[in-house]
Amino acid sequence: MEYAPTLLAGGALFVIGLAMVLLRSELLFVLMGIEVMFNGAGLTAAAAGQYWHDAVGQVLVLFLMTITGAELAVALVLVYLAYRRLRTTELSDISTLRDDGPSEEAAQ
């Protein structure tokens, strides 16, 4: 059971990230929570790969790091654009950007 502490750390990181996503209302903290969740999943995948003596866990971590980097780049651009338009990064204020379909003026 030498992999148990690593699995516990990965699970703890995932739970901390999930708590950040669910409890925070600031967009940057939500993004940080998603990153922490990805790191927890990557740590668990690497530990599982070591346990089964297979390189699939390490390959999965490389894919997770690539996906996380791309997600972070796109998300930070969206945060910047939302802040530039609304001067806030509160999730309740950003939800006003949602398009509810065509307006009545466009239908006429």
PDB file of N, CA and C in Angstrom:
ATOM      1  N   MET A   1       0.815  -1.198   0.000  1.00  0.00           N
ATOM      2  CA  MET A   1       0.000   0.000   0.000  1.00  0.00           C
ATOM      3  C   MET A   1       0.855   1.256   0.000  1.00  0.00           C
ATOM      4  N   GLU A   2       1.994   1.248  -0.695  1.00  0.00           N
ATOM      5  CA  GLU A   2       2.820   2.445  -0.707  1.00  0.00           C
ATOM      6  C   GLU A   2       2.228   3.540  -1.593  1.00  0.00           C
ATOM      7  N   TYR A   3       1.189   3.211  -2.356  1.00  0.00           N
ATOM      8  CA  TYR A   3       0.568   4.202  -3.227  1.00  0.00           C
ATOM      9  C   TYR A   3      -0.634   4.868  -2.561  1.00  0.00           C
ATOM     10  N   ALA A   4      -1.021   4.396  -1.386  1.00  0.00           N
ATOM     11  CA  ALA A   4      -2.186   4.956  -0.696  1.00  0.00           C
ATOM     12  C   ALA A   4      -2.018   6.440  -0.376  1.00  0.00           C
ATOM     13  N   PRO A   5      -0.862   6.914   0.115  1.00  0.00           N
ATOM     14  CA  PRO A   5      -0.744   8.361   0.372  1.00  0.00           C
ATOM     15  C   PRO A   5      -0.879   9.198  -0.896  1.00  0.00           C
ATOM     16  N   THR A   6      -0.371   8.692  -2.005  1.00  0.00           N
ATOM     17  CA  THR A   6      -0.488   9.429  -3.264  1.00  0.00           C
ATOM     18  C   THR A   6      -1.929   9.490  -3.718  1.00  0.00           C
ATOM     19  N   LEU A   7      -2.644   8.380  -3.584  1.00  0.00           N
ATOM     20  CA  LEU A   7      -4.051   8.375  -3.957  1.00  0.00           C
ATOM     21  C   LEU A   7      -4.868   9.279  -3.042  1.00  0.00           C
ATOM     22  N   LEU A   8      -4.548   9.283  -1.761  1.00  0.00           N
ATOM     23  CA  LEU A   8      -5.244  10.173  -0.835  1.00  0.00           C
ATOM     24  C   LEU A   8      -4.965  11.637  -1.160  1.00  0.00           C
ATOM     25  N   ALA A   9      -3.718  11.948  -1.516  1.00  0.00           N
ATOM     26  CA  ALA A   9      -3.378  13.324  -1.887  1.00  0.00           C
ATOM     27  C   ALA A   9      -4.117  13.740  -3.162  1.00  0.00           C
ATOM     28  N   GLY A  10      -4.186  12.840  -4.132  1.00  0.00           N
ATOM     29  CA  GLY A  10      -4.922  13.136  -5.365  1.00  0.00           C
ATOM     30  C   GLY A  10      -6.399  13.345  -5.102  1.00  0.00           C
ATOM     31  N   GLY A  11      -6.974  12.499  -4.251  1.00  0.00           N
ATOM     32  CA  GLY A  11      -8.379  12.668  -3.896  1.00  0.00           C
ATOM     33  C   GLY A  11      -8.626  13.950  -3.128  1.00  0.00           C
ATOM     34  N   ALA A  12      -7.698  14.286  -2.231  1.00  0.00           N
ATOM     35  CA  ALA A  12      -7.831  15.527  -1.463  1.00  0.00           C
ATOM     36  C   ALA A  12      -7.739  16.744  -2.379  1.00  0.00           C
ATOM     37  N   LEU A  13      -6.825  16.712  -3.345  1.00  0.00           N
ATOM     38  CA  LEU A  13      -6.733  17.819  -4.299  1.00  0.00           C
ATOM     39  C   LEU A  13      -8.020  17.964  -5.099  1.00  0.00           C
ATOM     40  N   PHE A  14      -8.583  16.834  -5.518  1.00  0.00           N
ATOM     41  CA  PHE A  14      -9.822  16.891  -6.295  1.00  0.00           C
ATOM     42  C   PHE A  14     -10.958  17.474  -5.456  1.00  0.00           C
ATOM     43  N   VAL A  15     -11.063  17.059  -4.203  1.00  0.00           N
ATOM     44  CA  VAL A  15     -12.136  17.559  -3.332  1.00  0.00           C
ATOM     45  C   VAL A  15     -11.945  19.051  -3.036  1.00  0.00           C
ATOM     46  N   ILE A  16     -10.713  19.475  -2.821  1.00  0.00           N
ATOM     47  CA  ILE A  16     -10.449  20.902  -2.584  1.00  0.00           C
ATOM     48  C   ILE A  16     -10.830  21.718  -3.819  1.00  0.00           C
ATOM     49  N   GLY A  17     -10.457  21.222  -4.991  1.00  0.00           N
ATOM     50  CA  GLY A  17     -10.829  21.918  -6.222  1.00  0.00           C
ATOM     51  C   GLY A  17     -12.334  21.965  -6.424  1.00  0.00           C
ATOM     52  N   LEU A  18     -13.010  20.867  -6.130  1.00  0.00           N
ATOM     53  CA  LEU A  18     -14.465  20.833  -6.260  1.00  0.00           C
ATOM     54  C   LEU A  18     -15.110  21.817  -5.292  1.00  0.00           C
ATOM     55  N   ALA A  19     -14.590  21.901  -4.072  1.00  0.00           N
ATOM     56  CA  ALA A  19     -15.117  22.862  -3.101  1.00  0.00           C
ATOM     57  C   ALA A  19     -14.917  24.287  -3.592  1.00  0.00           C
ATOM     58  N   MET A  20     -13.771  24.563  -4.205  1.00  0.00           N
ATOM     59  CA  MET A  20     -13.532  25.906  -4.743  1.00  0.00           C
ATOM     60  C   MET A  20     -14.524  26.236  -5.852  1.00  0.00           C
ATOM     61  N   VAL A  21     -14.790  25.271  -6.708  1.00  0.00           N
ATOM     62  CA  VAL A  21     -15.719  25.509  -7.812  1.00  0.00           C
ATOM     63  C   VAL A  21     -17.129  25.757  -7.283  1.00  0.00           C
ATOM     64  N   LEU A  22     -17.534  24.988  -6.287  1.00  0.00           N
ATOM     65  CA  LEU A  22     -18.909  25.093  -5.803  1.00  0.00           C
ATOM     66  C   LEU A  22     -19.137  26.256  -4.841  1.00  0.00           C
ATOM     67  N   LEU A  23     -18.115  26.661  -4.110  1.00  0.00           N
ATOM     68  CA  LEU A  23     -18.323  27.647  -3.047  1.00  0.00           C
ATOM     69  C   LEU A  23     -17.908  29.066  -3.399  1.00  0.00           C
ATOM     70  N   ARG A  24     -17.077  29.253  -4.400  1.00  0.00           N
ATOM     71  CA  ARG A  24     -16.591  30.595  -4.722  1.00  0.00           C
ATOM     72  C   ARG A  24     -17.451  31.226  -5.811  1.00  0.00           C
ATOM     73  N   SER A  25     -17.575  32.542  -5.771  1.00  0.00           N
ATOM     74  CA  SER A  25     -18.355  33.241  -6.795  1.00  0.00           C
ATOM     75  C   SER A  25     -17.466  34.081  -7.712  1.00  0.00           C
ATOM     76  N   GLU A  26     -16.176  34.080  -7.472  1.00  0.00           N
ATOM     77  CA  GLU A  26     -15.230  34.827  -8.303  1.00  0.00           C
ATOM     78  C   GLU A  26     -14.715  33.896  -9.403  1.00  0.00           C
ATOM     79  N   LEU A  27     -14.758  34.359 -10.640  1.00  0.00           N
ATOM     80  CA  LEU A  27     -14.438  33.506 -11.778  1.00  0.00           C
ATOM     81  C   LEU A  27     -13.010  32.972 -11.729  1.00  0.00           C
ATOM     82  N   LEU A  28     -12.065  33.777 -11.312  1.00  0.00           N
ATOM     83  CA  LEU A  28     -10.673  33.316 -11.265  1.00  0.00           C
ATOM     84  C   LEU A  28     -10.487  32.187 -10.255  1.00  0.00           C
ATOM     85  N   PHE A  29     -11.188  32.253  -9.123  1.00  0.00           N
ATOM     86  CA  PHE A  29     -11.099  31.176  -8.144  1.00  0.00           C
ATOM     87  C   PHE A  29     -11.753  29.900  -8.657  1.00  0.00           C
ATOM     88  N   VAL A  30     -12.817  30.036  -9.421  1.00  0.00           N
ATOM     89  CA  VAL A  30     -13.453  28.855 -10.023  1.00  0.00           C
ATOM     90  C   VAL A  30     -12.489  28.201 -11.005  1.00  0.00           C
ATOM     91  N   LEU A  31     -11.805  29.001 -11.803  1.00  0.00           N
ATOM     92  CA  LEU A  31     -10.820  28.454 -12.742  1.00  0.00           C
ATOM     93  C   LEU A  31      -9.663  27.784 -12.002  1.00  0.00           C
ATOM     94  N   MET A  32      -9.227  28.385 -10.890  1.00  0.00           N
ATOM     95  CA  MET A  32      -8.176  27.751 -10.100  1.00  0.00           C
ATOM     96  C   MET A  32      -8.660  26.433  -9.523  1.00  0.00           C
ATOM     97  N   GLY A  33      -9.928  26.355  -9.116  1.00  0.00           N
ATOM     98  CA  GLY A  33     -10.486  25.113  -8.615  1.00  0.00           C
ATOM     99  C   GLY A  33     -10.503  24.029  -9.678  1.00  0.00           C
ATOM    100  N   ILE A  34     -10.819  24.391 -10.903  1.00  0.00           N
ATOM    101  CA  ILE A  34     -10.801  23.418 -12.004  1.00  0.00           C
ATOM    102  C   ILE A  34      -9.381  22.924 -12.242  1.00  0.00           C
ATOM    103  N   GLU A  35      -8.412  23.828 -12.165  1.00  0.00           N
ATOM    104  CA  GLU A  35      -7.010  23.423 -12.342  1.00  0.00           C
ATOM    105  C   GLU A  35      -6.575  22.462 -11.234  1.00  0.00           C
ATOM    106  N   VAL A  36      -6.994  22.730 -10.004  1.00  0.00           N
ATOM    107  CA  VAL A  36      -6.636  21.849  -8.885  1.00  0.00           C
ATOM    108  C   VAL A  36      -7.290  20.484  -9.072  1.00  0.00           C
ATOM    109  N   MET A  37      -8.511  20.464  -9.593  1.00  0.00           N
ATOM    110  CA  MET A  37      -9.175  19.180  -9.858  1.00  0.00           C
ATOM    111  C   MET A  37      -8.411  18.385 -10.924  1.00  0.00           C
ATOM    112  N   PHE A  38      -7.956  19.055 -11.969  1.00  0.00           N
ATOM    113  CA  PHE A  38      -7.154  18.372 -12.995  1.00  0.00           C
ATOM    114  C   PHE A  38      -5.855  17.829 -12.403  1.00  0.00           C
ATOM    115  N   ASN A  39      -5.227  18.600 -11.519  1.00  0.00           N
ATOM    116  CA  ASN A  39      -3.992  18.133 -10.894  1.00  0.00           C
ATOM    117  C   ASN A  39      -4.245  16.914 -10.015  1.00  0.00           C
ATOM    118  N   GLY A  40      -5.346  16.900  -9.286  1.00  0.00           N
ATOM    119  CA  GLY A  40      -5.696  15.734  -8.476  1.00  0.00           C
ATOM    120  C   GLY A  40      -5.940  14.502  -9.331  1.00  0.00           C
ATOM    121  N   ALA A  41      -6.627  14.685 -10.442  1.00  0.00           N
ATOM    122  CA  ALA A  41      -6.870  13.561 -11.350  1.00  0.00           C
ATOM    123  C   ALA A  41      -5.556  13.070 -11.961  1.00  0.00           C
ATOM    124  N   GLY A  42      -4.664  13.988 -12.305  1.00  0.00           N
ATOM    125  CA  GLY A  42      -3.370  13.599 -12.862  1.00  0.00           C
ATOM    126  C   GLY A  42      -2.511  12.851 -11.862  1.00  0.00           C
ATOM    127  N   LEU A  43      -2.508  13.294 -10.624  1.00  0.00           N
ATOM    128  CA  LEU A  43      -1.742  12.609  -9.584  1.00  0.00           C
ATOM    129  C   LEU A  43      -2.281  11.201  -9.349  1.00  0.00           C
ATOM    130  N   THR A  44      -3.592  11.059  -9.357  1.00  0.00           N
ATOM    131  CA  THR A  44      -4.199   9.742  -9.189  1.00  0.00           C
ATOM    132  C   THR A  44      -3.876   8.834 -10.381  1.00  0.00           C
ATOM    133  N   ALA A  45      -3.895   9.381 -11.592  1.00  0.00           N
ATOM    134  CA  ALA A  45      -3.575   8.586 -12.776  1.00  0.00           C
ATOM    135  C   ALA A  45      -2.116   8.133 -12.757  1.00  0.00           C
ATOM    136  N   ALA A  46      -1.218   9.011 -12.344  1.00  0.00           N
ATOM    137  CA  ALA A  46       0.197   8.629 -12.269  1.00  0.00           C
ATOM    138  C   ALA A  46       0.413   7.550 -11.214  1.00  0.00           C
ATOM    139  N   ALA A  47      -0.259   7.655 -10.071  1.00  0.00           N
ATOM    140  CA  ALA A  47      -0.127   6.641  -9.022  1.00  0.00           C
ATOM    141  C   ALA A  47      -0.700   5.309  -9.488  1.00  0.00           C
ATOM    142  N   ALA A  48      -1.817   5.351 -10.213  1.00  0.00           N
ATOM    143  CA  ALA A  48      -2.401   4.112 -10.717  1.00  0.00           C
ATOM    144  C   ALA A  48      -1.475   3.456 -11.745  1.00  0.00           C
ATOM    145  N   GLY A  49      -0.840   4.272 -12.594  1.00  0.00           N
ATOM    146  CA  GLY A  49       0.109   3.723 -13.559  1.00  0.00           C
ATOM    147  C   GLY A  49       1.296   3.067 -12.885  1.00  0.00           C
ATOM    148  N   GLN A  50       1.795   3.662 -11.813  1.00  0.00           N
ATOM    149  CA  GLN A  50       2.896   3.055 -11.065  1.00  0.00           C
ATOM    150  C   GLN A  50       2.455   1.770 -10.380  1.00  0.00           C
ATOM    151  N   TYR A  51       1.240   1.748  -9.874  1.00  0.00           N
ATOM    152  CA  TYR A  51       0.739   0.570  -9.176  1.00  0.00           C
ATOM    153  C   TYR A  51       0.640  -0.623 -10.129  1.00  0.00           C
ATOM    154  N   TRP A  52       0.135  -0.371 -11.338  1.00  0.00           N
ATOM    155  CA  TRP A  52      -0.038  -1.455 -12.308  1.00  0.00           C
ATOM    156  C   TRP A  52       1.176  -1.637 -13.213  1.00  0.00           C
ATOM    157  N   HIS A  53       2.263  -0.931 -12.925  1.00  0.00           N
ATOM    158  CA  HIS A  53       3.498  -1.024 -13.716  1.00  0.00           C
ATOM    159  C   HIS A  53       3.217  -0.829 -15.202  1.00  0.00           C
ATOM    160  N   ASP A  54       2.485   0.244 -15.478  1.00  0.00           N
ATOM    161  CA  ASP A  54       2.087   0.544 -16.852  1.00  0.00           C
ATOM    162  C   ASP A  54       2.307   2.038 -17.090  1.00  0.00           C
ATOM    163  N   ALA A  55       2.718   2.394 -18.294  1.00  0.00           N
ATOM    164  CA  ALA A  55       3.007   3.795 -18.609  1.00  0.00           C
ATOM    165  C   ALA A  55       1.763   4.574 -19.016  1.00  0.00           C
ATOM    166  N   VAL A  56       0.612   3.933 -19.014  1.00  0.00           N
ATOM    167  CA  VAL A  56      -0.608   4.609 -19.436  1.00  0.00           C
ATOM    168  C   VAL A  56      -0.937   5.773 -18.498  1.00  0.00           C
ATOM    169  N   GLY A  57      -0.676   5.623 -17.213  1.00  0.00           N
ATOM    170  CA  GLY A  57      -0.931   6.705 -16.266  1.00  0.00           C
ATOM    171  C   GLY A  57      -0.106   7.939 -16.568  1.00  0.00           C
ATOM    172  N   GLN A  58       1.156   7.746 -16.886  1.00  0.00           N
ATOM    173  CA  GLN A  58       2.018   8.886 -17.198  1.00  0.00           C
ATOM    174  C   GLN A  58       1.607   9.543 -18.517  1.00  0.00           C
ATOM    175  N   VAL A  59       1.200   8.738 -19.488  1.00  0.00           N
ATOM    176  CA  VAL A  59       0.737   9.294 -20.760  1.00  0.00           C
ATOM    177  C   VAL A  59      -0.543  10.095 -20.547  1.00  0.00           C
ATOM    178  N   LEU A  60      -1.431   9.574 -19.694  1.00  0.00           N
ATOM    179  CA  LEU A  60      -2.652  10.301 -19.385  1.00  0.00           C
ATOM    180  C   LEU A  60      -2.346  11.630 -18.715  1.00  0.00           C
ATOM    181  N   VAL A  61      -1.343  11.666 -17.856  1.00  0.00           N
ATOM    182  CA  VAL A  61      -0.952  12.920 -17.207  1.00  0.00           C
ATOM    183  C   VAL A  61      -0.457  13.926 -18.249  1.00  0.00           C
ATOM    184  N   LEU A  62       0.297  13.467 -19.233  1.00  0.00           N
ATOM    185  CA  LEU A  62       0.745  14.381 -20.292  1.00  0.00           C
ATOM    186  C   LEU A  62      -0.431  14.954 -21.065  1.00  0.00           C
ATOM    187  N   PHE A  63      -1.414  14.115 -21.382  1.00  0.00           N
ATOM    188  CA  PHE A  63      -2.606  14.607 -22.065  1.00  0.00           C
ATOM    189  C   PHE A  63      -3.381  15.577 -21.178  1.00  0.00           C
ATOM    190  N   LEU A  64      -3.497  15.269 -19.891  1.00  0.00           N
ATOM    191  CA  LEU A  64      -4.190  16.167 -18.965  1.00  0.00           C
ATOM    192  C   LEU A  64      -3.493  17.515 -18.875  1.00  0.00           C
ATOM    193  N   MET A  65      -2.160  17.509 -18.850  1.00  0.00           N
ATOM    194  CA  MET A  65      -1.424  18.767 -18.790  1.00  0.00           C
ATOM    195  C   MET A  65      -1.639  19.591 -20.056  1.00  0.00           C
ATOM    196  N   THR A  66      -1.677  18.937 -21.208  1.00  0.00           N
ATOM    197  CA  THR A  66      -1.914  19.638 -22.472  1.00  0.00           C
ATOM    198  C   THR A  66      -3.316  20.232 -22.509  1.00  0.00           C
ATOM    199  N   ILE A  67      -4.293  19.444 -22.129  1.00  0.00           N
ATOM    200  CA  ILE A  67      -5.678  19.919 -22.123  1.00  0.00           C
ATOM    201  C   ILE A  67      -5.847  21.054 -21.118  1.00  0.00           C
ATOM    202  N   THR A  68      -5.225  20.920 -19.963  1.00  0.00           N
ATOM    203  CA  THR A  68      -5.324  21.952 -18.938  1.00  0.00           C
ATOM    204  C   THR A  68      -4.696  23.259 -19.409  1.00  0.00           C
ATOM    205  N   GLY A  69      -3.565  23.182 -20.085  1.00  0.00           N
ATOM    206  CA  GLY A  69      -2.926  24.392 -20.601  1.00  0.00           C
ATOM    207  C   GLY A  69      -3.783  25.085 -21.639  1.00  0.00           C
ATOM    208  N   ALA A  70      -4.371  24.318 -22.538  1.00  0.00           N
ATOM    209  CA  ALA A  70      -5.238  24.914 -23.556  1.00  0.00           C
ATOM    210  C   ALA A  70      -6.498  25.505 -22.931  1.00  0.00           C
ATOM    211  N   GLU A  71      -7.060  24.793 -21.968  1.00  0.00           N
ATOM    212  CA  GLU A  71      -8.256  25.285 -21.281  1.00  0.00           C
ATOM    213  C   GLU A  71      -7.962  26.567 -20.527  1.00  0.00           C
ATOM    214  N   LEU A  72      -6.826  26.623 -19.895  1.00  0.00           N
ATOM    215  CA  LEU A  72      -6.452  27.810 -19.136  1.00  0.00           C
ATOM    216  C   LEU A  72      -6.256  29.014 -20.053  1.00  0.00           C
ATOM    217  N   ALA A  73      -5.637  28.803 -21.188  1.00  0.00           N
ATOM    218  CA  ALA A  73      -5.419  29.916 -22.124  1.00  0.00           C
ATOM    219  C   ALA A  73      -6.747  30.478 -22.618  1.00  0.00           C
ATOM    220  N   VAL A  74      -7.667  29.616 -23.006  1.00  0.00           N
ATOM    221  CA  VAL A  74      -8.970  30.072 -23.489  1.00  0.00           C
ATOM    222  C   VAL A  74      -9.762  30.733 -22.360  1.00  0.00           C
ATOM    223  N   ALA A  75      -9.728  30.138 -21.181  1.00  0.00           N
ATOM    224  CA  ALA A  75     -10.491  30.680 -20.053  1.00  0.00           C
ATOM    225  C   ALA A  75      -9.975  32.050 -19.637  1.00  0.00           C
ATOM    226  N   LEU A  76      -8.662  32.244 -19.631  1.00  0.00           N
ATOM    227  CA  LEU A  76      -8.128  33.547 -19.239  1.00  0.00           C
ATOM    228  C   LEU A  76      -8.472  34.632 -20.250  1.00  0.00           C
ATOM    229  N   VAL A  77      -8.526  34.280 -21.518  1.00  0.00           N
ATOM    230  CA  VAL A  77      -8.959  35.252 -22.527  1.00  0.00           C
ATOM    231  C   VAL A  77     -10.422  35.617 -22.300  1.00  0.00           C
ATOM    232  N   LEU A  78     -11.253  34.627 -21.979  1.00  0.00           N
ATOM    233  CA  LEU A  78     -12.659  34.918 -21.709  1.00  0.00           C
ATOM    234  C   LEU A  78     -12.831  35.768 -20.452  1.00  0.00           C
ATOM    235  N   VAL A  79     -12.022  35.513 -19.438  1.00  0.00           N
ATOM    236  CA  VAL A  79     -12.072  36.330 -18.220  1.00  0.00           C
ATOM    237  C   VAL A  79     -11.669  37.765 -18.545  1.00  0.00           C
ATOM    238  N   TYR A  80     -10.635  37.924 -19.326  1.00  0.00           N
ATOM    239  CA  TYR A  80     -10.185  39.264 -19.704  1.00  0.00           C
ATOM    240  C   TYR A  80     -11.272  40.010 -20.472  1.00  0.00           C
ATOM    241  N   LEU A  81     -11.896  39.341 -21.429  1.00  0.00           N
ATOM    242  CA  LEU A  81     -12.942  39.997 -22.214  1.00  0.00           C
ATOM    243  C   LEU A  81     -14.163  40.326 -21.362  1.00  0.00           C
ATOM    244  N   ALA A  82     -14.527  39.424 -20.444  1.00  0.00           N
ATOM    245  CA  ALA A  82     -15.657  39.698 -19.555  1.00  0.00           C
ATOM    246  C   ALA A  82     -15.340  40.865 -18.636  1.00  0.00           C
ATOM    247  N   TYR A  83     -14.118  40.919 -18.123  1.00  0.00           N
ATOM    248  CA  TYR A  83     -13.749  42.029 -17.245  1.00  0.00           C
ATOM    249  C   TYR A  83     -13.709  43.347 -18.013  1.00  0.00           C
ATOM    250  N   ARG A  84     -13.224  43.301 -19.227  1.00  0.00           N
ATOM    251  CA  ARG A  84     -13.137  44.524 -20.019  1.00  0.00           C
ATOM    252  C   ARG A  84     -14.527  45.080 -20.327  1.00  0.00           C
ATOM    253  N   ARG A  85     -15.497  44.176 -20.510  1.00  0.00           N
ATOM    254  CA  ARG A  85     -16.839  44.627 -20.842  1.00  0.00           C
ATOM    255  C   ARG A  85     -17.644  45.019 -19.597  1.00  0.00           C
ATOM    256  N   LEU A  86     -17.561  44.223 -18.532  1.00  0.00           N
ATOM    257  CA  LEU A  86     -18.410  44.443 -17.366  1.00  0.00           C
ATOM    258  C   LEU A  86     -17.692  45.045 -16.161  1.00  0.00           C
ATOM    259  N   ARG A  87     -16.368  45.084 -16.177  1.00  0.00           N
ATOM    260  CA  ARG A  87     -15.545  45.570 -15.058  1.00  0.00           C
ATOM    261  C   ARG A  87     -15.744  44.746 -13.789  1.00  0.00           C
ATOM    262  N   THR A  88     -16.041  43.470 -13.939  1.00  0.00           N
ATOM    263  CA  THR A  88     -16.164  42.571 -12.797  1.00  0.00           C
ATOM    264  C   THR A  88     -15.907  41.141 -13.270  1.00  0.00           C
ATOM    265  N   THR A  89     -15.550  40.280 -12.321  1.00  0.00           N
ATOM    266  CA  THR A  89     -15.405  38.858 -12.626  1.00  0.00           C
ATOM    267  C   THR A  89     -16.302  38.014 -11.718  1.00  0.00           C
ATOM    268  N   GLU A  90     -17.323  38.633 -11.120  1.00  0.00           N
ATOM    269  CA  GLU A  90     -18.292  37.889 -10.320  1.00  0.00           C
ATOM    270  C   GLU A  90     -19.179  37.067 -11.243  1.00  0.00           C
ATOM    271  N   LEU A  91     -19.383  35.804 -10.891  1.00  0.00           N
ATOM    272  CA  LEU A  91     -20.166  34.920 -11.747  1.00  0.00           C
ATOM    273  C   LEU A  91     -21.607  35.380 -11.908  1.00  0.00           C
ATOM    274  N   SER A  92     -22.183  35.954 -10.869  1.00  0.00           N
ATOM    275  CA  SER A  92     -23.570  36.417 -10.968  1.00  0.00           C
ATOM    276  C   SER A  92     -23.704  37.574 -11.961  1.00  0.00           C
ATOM    277  N   ASP A  93     -22.688  38.408 -12.067  1.00  0.00           N
ATOM    278  CA  ASP A  93     -22.723  39.513 -13.017  1.00  0.00           C
ATOM    279  C   ASP A  93     -22.399  39.054 -14.429  1.00  0.00           C
ATOM    280  N   ILE A  94     -21.545  38.063 -14.559  1.00  0.00           N
ATOM    281  CA  ILE A  94     -21.152  37.576 -15.881  1.00  0.00           C
ATOM    282  C   ILE A  94     -22.291  36.798 -16.534  1.00  0.00           C
ATOM    283  N   SER A  95     -23.189  36.240 -15.748  1.00  0.00           N
ATOM    284  CA  SER A  95     -24.298  35.489 -16.335  1.00  0.00           C
ATOM    285  C   SER A  95     -25.218  36.401 -17.138  1.00  0.00           C
ATOM    286  N   THR A  96     -25.088  37.723 -17.000  1.00  0.00           N
ATOM    287  CA  THR A  96     -25.890  38.635 -17.808  1.00  0.00           C
ATOM    288  C   THR A  96     -25.435  38.641 -19.261  1.00  0.00           C
ATOM    289  N   LEU A  97     -24.276  38.063 -19.555  1.00  0.00           N
ATOM    290  CA  LEU A  97     -23.805  37.985 -20.935  1.00  0.00           C
ATOM    291  C   LEU A  97     -24.544  36.928 -21.743  1.00  0.00           C
ATOM    292  N   ARG A  98     -25.315  36.092 -21.069  1.00  0.00           N
ATOM    293  CA  ARG A  98     -26.002  34.993 -21.732  1.00  0.00           C
ATOM    294  C   ARG A  98     -26.999  35.530 -22.741  1.00  0.00           C
ATOM    295  N   ASP A  99     -27.079  34.897 -23.900  1.00  0.00           N
ATOM    296  CA  ASP A  99     -28.011  35.271 -24.944  1.00  0.00           C
ATOM    297  C   ASP A  99     -29.230  34.378 -24.812  1.00  0.00           C
ATOM    298  N   ASP A 100     -30.383  34.976 -24.579  1.00  0.00           N
ATOM    299  CA  ASP A 100     -31.615  34.195 -24.399  1.00  0.00           C
ATOM    300  C   ASP A 100     -32.376  34.008 -25.712  1.00  0.00           C
ATOM    301  N   GLY A 101     -31.722  34.153 -26.814  1.00  0.00           N
ATOM    302  CA  GLY A 101     -32.371  33.955 -28.105  1.00  0.00           C
ATOM    303  C   GLY A 101     -32.616  35.286 -28.791  1.00  0.00           C
ATOM    304  N   PRO A 102     -33.332  35.245 -29.896  1.00  0.00           N
ATOM    305  CA  PRO A 102     -33.563  36.480 -30.632  1.00  0.00           C
ATOM    306  C   PRO A 102     -34.479  37.420 -29.840  1.00  0.00           C
ATOM    307  N   SER A 103     -34.167  38.693 -29.926  1.00  0.00           N
ATOM    308  CA  SER A 103     -34.984  39.684 -29.233  1.00  0.00           C
ATOM    309  C   SER A 103     -36.257  39.954 -30.021  1.00  0.00           C
ATOM    310  N   GLU A 104     -37.193  40.667 -29.407  1.00  0.00           N
ATOM    311  CA  GLU A 104     -38.455  40.983 -30.087  1.00  0.00           C
ATOM    312  C   GLU A 104     -38.232  41.922 -31.253  1.00  0.00           C
ATOM    313  N   GLU A 105     -37.231  42.791 -31.131  1.00  0.00           N
ATOM    314  CA  GLU A 105     -36.950  43.722 -32.216  1.00  0.00           C
ATOM    315  C   GLU A 105     -36.464  42.989 -33.449  1.00  0.00           C
ATOM    316  N   ALA A 106     -35.665  41.951 -33.274  1.00  0.00           N
ATOM    317  CA  ALA A 106     -35.134  41.192 -34.409  1.00  0.00           C
ATOM    318  C   ALA A 106     -36.223  40.364 -35.072  1.00  0.00           C
ATOM    319  N   ALA A 107     -37.271  39.994 -34.324  1.00  0.00           N
ATOM    320  CA  ALA A 107     -38.329  39.173 -34.880  1.00  0.00           C
ATOM    321  C   ALA A 107     -39.242  39.977 -35.792  1.00  0.00           C
ATOM    322  N   GLN A 108     -39.281  41.305 -35.632  1.00  0.00           N
ATOM    323  CA  GLN A 108     -40.184  42.137 -36.441  1.00  0.00           C
ATOM    324  C   GLN A 108     -39.585  42.536 -37.740  1.00  0.00           C
TER     325      GLN A 108
END
